[in-house]
Amino acid sequence: MKKFFFSLMTSAYLVLPMLAMAQLPGQFNSSGQVVVQDERAFLSLIDRIIAFFRVFVLTIAVGAILYSAFLFVSANWLGNGKTEDARKILTYAIIGIIVALLSYSVIPVIRSFFGVR
């Protein structure tokens, strides 16, 4: 279980710098800061970031489901009693899928909050 979370955090540390290098849509002012001239461009950027994390979370969740299925099968076959670990991993994977599916509602909520169509 610790190895799984360690590999998850390691992959997150490897992927997150790519987001820091992403350019915002808009123009740069004299100090190098991005000037966003349209709120739709900003929401589009947020939408792309959320879509990236959605794919990342869904991929990790599917891998966790497959891993928990392997643990269920091996626990029943070998009789080593790792069914509790498999249940926990499966529960967290399902929660991850639910969170990823709920991320579809983030942009509409932000748009309605700020009144952007």
N, C-alpha and C. Protein backbone atom coordinates (compact mmCIF):
# COMPACT_ATOMS: atom_id res chain seq x y z
N MET A 1 0.83 -1.19 0.00
CA MET A 1 0.00 0.00 0.00
C MET A 1 0.88 1.26 0.00
N LYS A 2 1.95 1.23 0.78
CA LYS A 2 2.84 2.38 0.83
C LYS A 2 3.55 2.57 -0.50
N LYS A 3 3.89 1.45 -1.15
CA LYS A 3 4.56 1.53 -2.44
C LYS A 3 3.64 2.16 -3.48
N PHE A 4 2.34 1.83 -3.41
CA PHE A 4 1.37 2.39 -4.35
C PHE A 4 1.29 3.91 -4.19
N PHE A 5 1.15 4.38 -2.96
CA PHE A 5 1.06 5.82 -2.74
C PHE A 5 2.37 6.53 -3.03
N PHE A 6 3.49 5.85 -2.77
CA PHE A 6 4.78 6.44 -3.11
C PHE A 6 4.92 6.60 -4.62
N SER A 7 4.50 5.58 -5.38
CA SER A 7 4.58 5.70 -6.84
C SER A 7 3.60 6.74 -7.35
N LEU A 8 2.45 6.87 -6.72
CA LEU A 8 1.48 7.89 -7.11
C LEU A 8 2.04 9.29 -6.87
N MET A 9 2.65 9.51 -5.73
CA MET A 9 3.21 10.82 -5.43
C MET A 9 4.42 11.12 -6.32
N THR A 10 5.22 10.09 -6.61
CA THR A 10 6.37 10.29 -7.49
C THR A 10 5.92 10.69 -8.88
N SER A 11 4.90 10.03 -9.39
CA SER A 11 4.41 10.39 -10.72
C SER A 11 3.78 11.79 -10.72
N ALA A 12 3.15 12.17 -9.63
CA ALA A 12 2.58 13.52 -9.54
C ALA A 12 3.69 14.56 -9.55
N TYR A 13 4.78 14.29 -8.86
CA TYR A 13 5.90 15.23 -8.85
C TYR A 13 6.56 15.33 -10.22
N LEU A 14 6.49 14.28 -10.99
CA LEU A 14 7.06 14.33 -12.33
C LEU A 14 6.16 15.05 -13.32
N VAL A 15 4.84 15.02 -13.09
CA VAL A 15 3.89 15.60 -14.04
C VAL A 15 3.61 17.07 -13.74
N LEU A 16 3.60 17.46 -12.48
CA LEU A 16 3.22 18.82 -12.11
C LEU A 16 4.12 19.91 -12.69
N PRO A 17 5.42 19.71 -12.87
CA PRO A 17 6.21 20.78 -13.50
C PRO A 17 5.77 21.12 -14.92
N MET A 18 5.17 20.16 -15.62
CA MET A 18 4.67 20.47 -16.96
C MET A 18 3.57 21.52 -16.91
N LEU A 19 2.76 21.48 -15.86
CA LEU A 19 1.70 22.49 -15.72
C LEU A 19 2.29 23.87 -15.43
N ALA A 20 3.40 23.91 -14.73
CA ALA A 20 4.02 25.19 -14.43
C ALA A 20 4.60 25.83 -15.69
N MET A 21 4.97 25.03 -16.67
CA MET A 21 5.54 25.57 -17.90
C MET A 21 4.47 25.93 -18.93
N ALA A 22 3.22 25.63 -18.64
CA ALA A 22 2.15 25.92 -19.59
C ALA A 22 1.95 27.43 -19.69
N GLN A 23 1.61 27.92 -20.88
CA GLN A 23 1.40 29.34 -21.07
C GLN A 23 -0.09 29.64 -21.03
N LEU A 24 -0.40 30.72 -20.38
CA LEU A 24 -1.78 31.18 -20.34
C LEU A 24 -2.14 31.86 -21.65
N PRO A 25 -3.37 31.71 -22.09
CA PRO A 25 -3.78 32.47 -23.26
C PRO A 25 -3.92 33.95 -22.89
N GLY A 26 -3.37 34.81 -23.68
CA GLY A 26 -3.42 36.23 -23.39
C GLY A 26 -2.13 36.89 -23.84
N GLN A 27 -1.95 38.11 -23.40
CA GLN A 27 -0.75 38.85 -23.78
C GLN A 27 0.09 39.11 -22.54
N PHE A 28 1.38 39.33 -22.78
CA PHE A 28 2.30 39.63 -21.68
C PHE A 28 2.48 41.14 -21.57
N ASN A 29 2.54 41.62 -20.33
CA ASN A 29 2.83 43.04 -20.14
C ASN A 29 4.34 43.22 -19.99
N SER A 30 4.80 44.43 -19.68
CA SER A 30 6.23 44.72 -19.66
C SER A 30 6.97 43.98 -18.55
N SER A 31 6.29 43.60 -17.48
CA SER A 31 6.96 42.88 -16.39
C SER A 31 6.92 41.37 -16.58
N GLY A 32 6.38 40.90 -17.70
CA GLY A 32 6.36 39.47 -17.98
C GLY A 32 5.14 38.74 -17.44
N GLN A 33 4.20 39.45 -16.84
CA GLN A 33 3.00 38.82 -16.33
C GLN A 33 1.97 38.70 -17.45
N VAL A 34 1.15 37.68 -17.36
CA VAL A 34 0.14 37.45 -18.38
C VAL A 34 -1.08 38.30 -18.08
N VAL A 35 -1.57 38.99 -19.08
CA VAL A 35 -2.78 39.78 -18.97
C VAL A 35 -3.88 39.02 -19.69
N VAL A 36 -4.82 38.51 -18.93
CA VAL A 36 -5.93 37.77 -19.52
C VAL A 36 -7.00 38.78 -19.91
N GLN A 37 -7.28 38.85 -21.20
CA GLN A 37 -8.22 39.85 -21.67
C GLN A 37 -9.65 39.32 -21.74
N ASP A 38 -9.80 38.03 -21.68
CA ASP A 38 -11.12 37.44 -21.79
C ASP A 38 -11.27 36.39 -20.71
N GLU A 39 -12.36 36.47 -19.94
CA GLU A 39 -12.55 35.49 -18.88
C GLU A 39 -12.81 34.09 -19.43
N ARG A 40 -13.28 34.01 -20.66
CA ARG A 40 -13.48 32.70 -21.27
C ARG A 40 -12.15 31.98 -21.50
N ALA A 41 -11.11 32.74 -21.80
CA ALA A 41 -9.79 32.14 -21.99
C ALA A 41 -9.28 31.57 -20.67
N PHE A 42 -9.53 32.28 -19.58
CA PHE A 42 -9.11 31.78 -18.27
C PHE A 42 -9.89 30.53 -17.91
N LEU A 43 -11.20 30.52 -18.15
CA LEU A 43 -12.00 29.34 -17.86
C LEU A 43 -11.61 28.18 -18.77
N SER A 44 -11.19 28.48 -19.97
CA SER A 44 -10.71 27.43 -20.87
C SER A 44 -9.44 26.81 -20.32
N LEU A 45 -8.56 27.62 -19.77
CA LEU A 45 -7.35 27.10 -19.15
C LEU A 45 -7.69 26.21 -17.96
N ILE A 46 -8.58 26.66 -17.11
CA ILE A 46 -9.00 25.87 -15.95
C ILE A 46 -9.62 24.57 -16.41
N ASP A 47 -10.42 24.63 -17.47
CA ASP A 47 -11.05 23.43 -18.00
C ASP A 47 -10.02 22.43 -18.51
N ARG A 48 -8.98 22.93 -19.17
CA ARG A 48 -7.93 22.03 -19.66
C ARG A 48 -7.15 21.40 -18.52
N ILE A 49 -6.88 22.15 -17.47
CA ILE A 49 -6.17 21.60 -16.31
C ILE A 49 -7.02 20.54 -15.62
N ILE A 50 -8.31 20.82 -15.45
CA ILE A 50 -9.21 19.86 -14.83
C ILE A 50 -9.32 18.60 -15.68
N ALA A 51 -9.38 18.76 -17.00
CA ALA A 51 -9.46 17.60 -17.88
C ALA A 51 -8.20 16.74 -17.77
N PHE A 52 -7.03 17.39 -17.65
CA PHE A 52 -5.79 16.65 -17.49
C PHE A 52 -5.82 15.83 -16.20
N PHE A 53 -6.19 16.46 -15.09
CA PHE A 53 -6.25 15.75 -13.83
C PHE A 53 -7.33 14.68 -13.82
N ARG A 54 -8.43 14.92 -14.53
CA ARG A 54 -9.49 13.92 -14.62
C ARG A 54 -8.97 12.65 -15.28
N VAL A 55 -8.25 12.81 -16.38
CA VAL A 55 -7.68 11.64 -17.06
C VAL A 55 -6.66 10.96 -16.16
N PHE A 56 -5.84 11.75 -15.47
CA PHE A 56 -4.83 11.20 -14.58
C PHE A 56 -5.48 10.39 -13.45
N VAL A 57 -6.50 10.95 -12.81
CA VAL A 57 -7.17 10.27 -11.70
C VAL A 57 -7.89 9.02 -12.19
N LEU A 58 -8.56 9.11 -13.34
CA LEU A 58 -9.25 7.93 -13.86
C LEU A 58 -8.27 6.82 -14.21
N THR A 59 -7.12 7.17 -14.75
CA THR A 59 -6.11 6.16 -15.07
C THR A 59 -5.59 5.48 -13.81
N ILE A 60 -5.30 6.27 -12.79
CA ILE A 60 -4.84 5.71 -11.52
C ILE A 60 -5.93 4.85 -10.89
N ALA A 61 -7.19 5.29 -10.98
CA ALA A 61 -8.30 4.54 -10.39
C ALA A 61 -8.49 3.19 -11.08
N VAL A 62 -8.39 3.17 -12.39
CA VAL A 62 -8.53 1.90 -13.12
C VAL A 62 -7.38 0.96 -12.75
N GLY A 63 -6.17 1.51 -12.64
CA GLY A 63 -5.04 0.69 -12.20
C GLY A 63 -5.24 0.16 -10.79
N ALA A 64 -5.80 0.97 -9.90
CA ALA A 64 -6.06 0.53 -8.53
C ALA A 64 -7.13 -0.55 -8.49
N ILE A 65 -8.13 -0.44 -9.35
CA ILE A 65 -9.17 -1.48 -9.41
C ILE A 65 -8.57 -2.80 -9.89
N LEU A 66 -7.72 -2.73 -10.90
CA LEU A 66 -7.07 -3.94 -11.38
C LEU A 66 -6.15 -4.54 -10.30
N TYR A 67 -5.45 -3.69 -9.58
CA TYR A 67 -4.57 -4.16 -8.51
C TYR A 67 -5.39 -4.80 -7.39
N SER A 68 -6.51 -4.18 -7.02
CA SER A 68 -7.35 -4.77 -5.96
C SER A 68 -7.96 -6.09 -6.42
N ALA A 69 -8.31 -6.20 -7.70
CA ALA A 69 -8.81 -7.47 -8.22
C ALA A 69 -7.74 -8.55 -8.12
N PHE A 70 -6.49 -8.17 -8.44
CA PHE A 70 -5.39 -9.11 -8.30
C PHE A 70 -5.22 -9.54 -6.84
N LEU A 71 -5.34 -8.59 -5.91
CA LEU A 71 -5.22 -8.92 -4.49
C LEU A 71 -6.36 -9.83 -4.04
N PHE A 72 -7.58 -9.59 -4.51
CA PHE A 72 -8.69 -10.46 -4.17
C PHE A 72 -8.44 -11.89 -4.65
N VAL A 73 -8.00 -12.02 -5.89
CA VAL A 73 -7.77 -13.34 -6.45
C VAL A 73 -6.62 -14.04 -5.73
N SER A 74 -5.53 -13.32 -5.50
CA SER A 74 -4.38 -13.95 -4.84
C SER A 74 -4.68 -14.26 -3.38
N ALA A 75 -5.50 -13.43 -2.72
CA ALA A 75 -5.85 -13.70 -1.32
C ALA A 75 -6.70 -14.96 -1.22
N ASN A 76 -7.60 -15.15 -2.15
CA ASN A 76 -8.43 -16.36 -2.12
C ASN A 76 -7.63 -17.59 -2.55
N TRP A 77 -6.71 -17.40 -3.46
CA TRP A 77 -5.93 -18.52 -3.97
C TRP A 77 -4.86 -18.95 -2.97
N LEU A 78 -4.13 -17.97 -2.42
CA LEU A 78 -3.04 -18.28 -1.50
C LEU A 78 -3.50 -18.36 -0.05
N GLY A 79 -4.63 -17.75 0.25
CA GLY A 79 -5.15 -17.76 1.61
C GLY A 79 -4.33 -16.90 2.56
N ASN A 80 -3.77 -15.79 2.05
CA ASN A 80 -2.92 -14.96 2.90
C ASN A 80 -3.69 -13.85 3.62
N GLY A 81 -4.98 -13.74 3.41
CA GLY A 81 -5.81 -12.79 4.16
C GLY A 81 -5.62 -11.34 3.79
N LYS A 82 -5.33 -11.03 2.56
CA LYS A 82 -5.17 -9.63 2.14
C LYS A 82 -6.45 -9.07 1.55
N THR A 83 -7.56 -9.65 1.90
CA THR A 83 -8.83 -9.14 1.35
C THR A 83 -9.18 -7.76 1.90
N GLU A 84 -8.77 -7.47 3.13
CA GLU A 84 -9.04 -6.14 3.69
C GLU A 84 -8.28 -5.05 2.93
N ASP A 85 -7.03 -5.34 2.59
CA ASP A 85 -6.26 -4.38 1.79
C ASP A 85 -6.92 -4.17 0.42
N ALA A 86 -7.37 -5.26 -0.16
CA ALA A 86 -8.02 -5.17 -1.47
C ALA A 86 -9.31 -4.36 -1.38
N ARG A 87 -10.07 -4.54 -0.30
CA ARG A 87 -11.31 -3.77 -0.12
C ARG A 87 -11.02 -2.28 0.03
N LYS A 88 -9.98 -1.96 0.79
CA LYS A 88 -9.62 -0.54 0.98
C LYS A 88 -9.20 0.10 -0.35
N ILE A 89 -8.38 -0.62 -1.10
CA ILE A 89 -7.93 -0.08 -2.39
C ILE A 89 -9.10 0.09 -3.33
N LEU A 90 -10.01 -0.88 -3.35
CA LEU A 90 -11.19 -0.78 -4.22
C LEU A 90 -12.07 0.39 -3.79
N THR A 91 -12.22 0.59 -2.50
CA THR A 91 -13.04 1.71 -2.00
C THR A 91 -12.43 3.05 -2.42
N TYR A 92 -11.12 3.18 -2.26
CA TYR A 92 -10.46 4.43 -2.64
C TYR A 92 -10.51 4.65 -4.16
N ALA A 93 -10.43 3.58 -4.92
CA ALA A 93 -10.51 3.71 -6.37
C ALA A 93 -11.89 4.18 -6.80
N ILE A 94 -12.92 3.66 -6.16
CA ILE A 94 -14.29 4.08 -6.49
C ILE A 94 -14.50 5.54 -6.08
N ILE A 95 -13.95 5.93 -4.94
CA ILE A 95 -14.04 7.34 -4.53
C ILE A 95 -13.31 8.23 -5.54
N GLY A 96 -12.16 7.78 -6.04
CA GLY A 96 -11.44 8.53 -7.05
C GLY A 96 -12.22 8.69 -8.33
N ILE A 97 -12.92 7.65 -8.74
CA ILE A 97 -13.76 7.73 -9.94
C ILE A 97 -14.90 8.71 -9.72
N ILE A 98 -15.50 8.68 -8.54
CA ILE A 98 -16.60 9.62 -8.25
C ILE A 98 -16.10 11.06 -8.27
N VAL A 99 -14.94 11.31 -7.69
CA VAL A 99 -14.37 12.66 -7.69
C VAL A 99 -14.06 13.11 -9.12
N ALA A 100 -13.52 12.20 -9.92
CA ALA A 100 -13.22 12.55 -11.31
C ALA A 100 -14.49 12.86 -12.09
N LEU A 101 -15.55 12.11 -11.84
CA LEU A 101 -16.81 12.39 -12.53
C LEU A 101 -17.46 13.68 -12.03
N LEU A 102 -17.26 14.00 -10.76
CA LEU A 102 -17.79 15.26 -10.24
C LEU A 102 -17.03 16.47 -10.77
N SER A 103 -15.84 16.25 -11.28
CA SER A 103 -15.06 17.37 -11.82
C SER A 103 -15.68 17.95 -13.08
N TYR A 104 -16.59 17.21 -13.71
CA TYR A 104 -17.30 17.76 -14.87
C TYR A 104 -18.17 18.96 -14.49
N SER A 105 -18.55 19.06 -13.21
CA SER A 105 -19.44 20.15 -12.80
C SER A 105 -18.68 21.39 -12.32
N VAL A 106 -17.37 21.35 -12.28
CA VAL A 106 -16.61 22.49 -11.74
C VAL A 106 -16.74 23.72 -12.64
N ILE A 107 -16.52 23.56 -13.92
CA ILE A 107 -16.58 24.71 -14.84
C ILE A 107 -17.98 25.31 -14.91
N PRO A 108 -19.05 24.51 -15.05
CA PRO A 108 -20.39 25.14 -15.03
C PRO A 108 -20.69 25.90 -13.73
N VAL A 109 -20.20 25.41 -12.61
CA VAL A 109 -20.42 26.11 -11.34
C VAL A 109 -19.66 27.43 -11.34
N ILE A 110 -18.41 27.41 -11.81
CA ILE A 110 -17.63 28.66 -11.87
C ILE A 110 -18.27 29.65 -12.83
N ARG A 111 -18.73 29.16 -13.98
CA ARG A 111 -19.38 30.05 -14.95
C ARG A 111 -20.65 30.67 -14.38
N SER A 112 -21.45 29.88 -13.69
CA SER A 112 -22.68 30.45 -13.12
C SER A 112 -22.37 31.39 -11.96
N PHE A 113 -21.30 31.14 -11.21
CA PHE A 113 -20.94 32.01 -10.10
C PHE A 113 -20.48 33.37 -10.60
N PHE A 114 -19.69 33.40 -11.66
CA PHE A 114 -19.20 34.66 -12.20
C PHE A 114 -20.09 35.25 -13.28
N GLY A 115 -21.11 34.53 -13.68
CA GLY A 115 -22.03 35.04 -14.69
C GLY A 115 -21.47 35.02 -16.10
N VAL A 116 -20.57 34.12 -16.40
CA VAL A 116 -19.99 34.01 -17.73
C VAL A 116 -20.74 32.93 -18.50
N ARG A 117 -21.06 33.22 -19.75
CA ARG A 117 -21.78 32.22 -20.55
C ARG A 117 -20.87 31.55 -21.51
